Amino acid sequence: MKYNHDHARVGKCSLCKDDRVSLDIDAGEDINRETSMENTAQAIVNSIQVRESFFLPDGHRMVTLGCNDYSVYKQLPAAVKFQGLVYGLTGWNSDSNEAYYKTSKAFALAMGV
């Protein structure tokens, strides 16, 4: 049987009702110390949240990102990769606070010297 708490000595466990074990937990200690993939999250470095993704009439794809002001826009990357496609930055709308990236936008990768 898999327990979500430690059984350190023989006795009765009040949590799982197992007669053969007892908990060795200090008062106030978290009994759910075991970490599982179900309740953990991992940060993705340099990730950007996409607001919307759609096809344009010309067949290209576009994604929109949140962009509150011009200073934020100037700090956005020249290109992003989303669902396996590379999108180039095309512009910013100050009324809707969105930056636009399009698959047809040409861009180049800078190479280290």
Protein backbone atom coordinates (compact mmCIF):
# COMPACT_ATOMS: atom_id res chain seq x y z
CA MET A 1 0.00 0.00 0.00
CA LYS A 2 1.33 3.48 -0.92
CA TYR A 3 0.98 6.12 1.78
CA ASN A 4 1.05 9.92 1.40
CA HIS A 5 2.74 10.14 4.81
CA ASP A 6 5.60 8.42 6.62
CA HIS A 7 5.23 5.30 8.75
CA ALA A 8 8.26 5.44 11.00
CA ARG A 9 7.37 2.98 13.76
CA VAL A 10 5.06 0.06 14.37
CA GLY A 11 1.68 0.79 15.95
CA LYS A 12 -1.66 2.19 14.71
CA CYS A 13 -1.91 4.98 12.13
CA SER A 14 -4.88 7.30 12.67
CA LEU A 15 -4.69 8.67 9.10
CA CYS A 16 -4.76 5.51 7.02
CA LYS A 17 -6.22 3.20 9.71
CA ASP A 18 -3.38 0.74 9.25
CA ASP A 19 -2.97 -1.30 12.45
CA ARG A 20 0.68 -2.11 11.90
CA VAL A 21 2.18 1.37 11.61
CA SER A 22 2.21 4.73 13.32
CA LEU A 23 3.27 8.20 12.27
CA ASP A 24 6.41 9.83 13.51
CA ILE A 25 5.44 13.46 12.84
CA ASP A 26 6.12 16.49 14.99
CA ALA A 27 3.16 18.74 15.84
CA GLY A 28 2.38 21.09 12.96
CA GLU A 29 4.49 19.20 10.42
CA ASP A 30 3.02 18.84 6.93
CA ILE A 31 1.83 15.25 6.54
CA ASN A 32 1.73 15.53 2.73
CA ARG A 33 5.46 15.86 2.24
CA GLU A 34 5.63 13.51 -0.70
CA THR A 35 5.69 15.42 -3.98
CA SER A 36 4.05 13.98 -7.07
CA MET A 37 3.87 15.20 -10.66
CA GLU A 38 0.17 15.93 -10.17
CA ASN A 39 0.77 18.84 -7.81
CA THR A 40 4.02 20.37 -9.05
CA ALA A 41 4.69 22.96 -11.71
CA GLN A 42 7.91 23.83 -13.48
CA ALA A 43 8.77 27.32 -14.68
CA ILE A 44 9.66 27.61 -18.36
CA VAL A 45 12.43 30.15 -18.72
CA ASN A 46 11.81 32.88 -21.33
CA SER A 47 8.20 31.82 -21.87
CA ILE A 48 5.56 34.32 -23.03
CA GLN A 49 1.82 33.85 -22.65
CA VAL A 50 -0.05 33.84 -25.97
CA ARG A 51 -3.42 35.59 -25.87
CA GLU A 52 -4.69 34.38 -29.22
CA SER A 53 -3.55 32.30 -32.18
CA PHE A 54 -5.33 32.34 -35.53
CA PHE A 55 -5.03 31.94 -39.30
CA LEU A 56 -5.06 35.00 -41.55
CA PRO A 57 -6.89 35.08 -44.92
CA ASP A 58 -3.51 34.80 -46.70
CA GLY A 59 -2.90 31.42 -44.98
CA HIS A 60 -0.26 32.66 -42.56
CA ARG A 61 -0.67 32.35 -38.80
CA MET A 62 -0.66 35.14 -36.23
CA VAL A 63 -0.32 35.18 -32.45
CA THR A 64 -1.04 38.07 -30.11
CA LEU A 65 0.69 38.77 -26.81
CA GLY A 66 -0.18 41.19 -24.03
CA CYS A 67 1.78 44.43 -24.28
CA ASN A 68 0.76 47.28 -21.95
CA ASP A 69 2.90 50.09 -23.34
CA TYR A 70 5.62 51.05 -25.78
CA SER A 71 8.46 50.35 -23.32
CA VAL A 72 7.22 46.74 -22.99
CA TYR A 73 6.92 46.47 -26.78
CA LYS A 74 10.55 47.55 -27.25
CA GLN A 75 11.67 44.73 -24.90
CA LEU A 76 9.78 41.96 -26.73
CA PRO A 77 11.83 39.43 -28.70
CA ALA A 78 12.07 39.85 -32.47
CA ALA A 79 10.68 36.33 -32.94
CA VAL A 80 8.90 33.65 -30.90
CA LYS A 81 8.33 29.93 -31.43
CA PHE A 82 4.79 28.67 -30.81
CA GLN A 83 3.49 25.16 -31.54
CA GLY A 84 6.54 24.42 -33.69
CA LEU A 85 6.26 27.53 -35.89
CA VAL A 86 8.43 30.66 -35.75
CA TYR A 87 6.64 34.00 -35.71
CA GLY A 88 8.29 37.39 -36.35
CA LEU A 89 7.24 40.55 -34.49
CA THR A 90 5.10 42.72 -36.75
CA GLY A 91 3.65 45.47 -34.55
CA TRP A 92 1.79 46.72 -31.50
CA ASN A 93 -1.71 48.09 -30.91
CA SER A 94 -1.81 50.60 -28.03
CA ASP A 95 -5.63 50.54 -27.92
CA SER A 96 -5.92 46.78 -27.36
CA ASN A 97 -2.52 46.46 -25.58
CA GLU A 98 -1.43 43.64 -27.88
CA ALA A 99 1.73 42.85 -29.79
CA TYR A 100 1.46 40.90 -33.03
CA TYR A 101 3.68 38.13 -34.40
CA LYS A 102 3.21 36.62 -37.85
CA THR A 103 4.67 33.52 -39.53
CA SER A 104 5.37 35.39 -42.79
CA LYS A 105 7.56 38.01 -41.09
CA ALA A 106 11.19 37.61 -42.13
CA PHE A 107 13.85 37.63 -39.42
CA ALA A 108 17.43 36.51 -38.92
CA LEU A 109 19.25 34.92 -35.98
CA ALA A 110 22.19 36.85 -34.58
CA MET A 111 25.35 34.76 -34.35
CA GLY A 112 27.91 35.22 -31.57
CA VAL A 113 31.27 36.58 -32.69
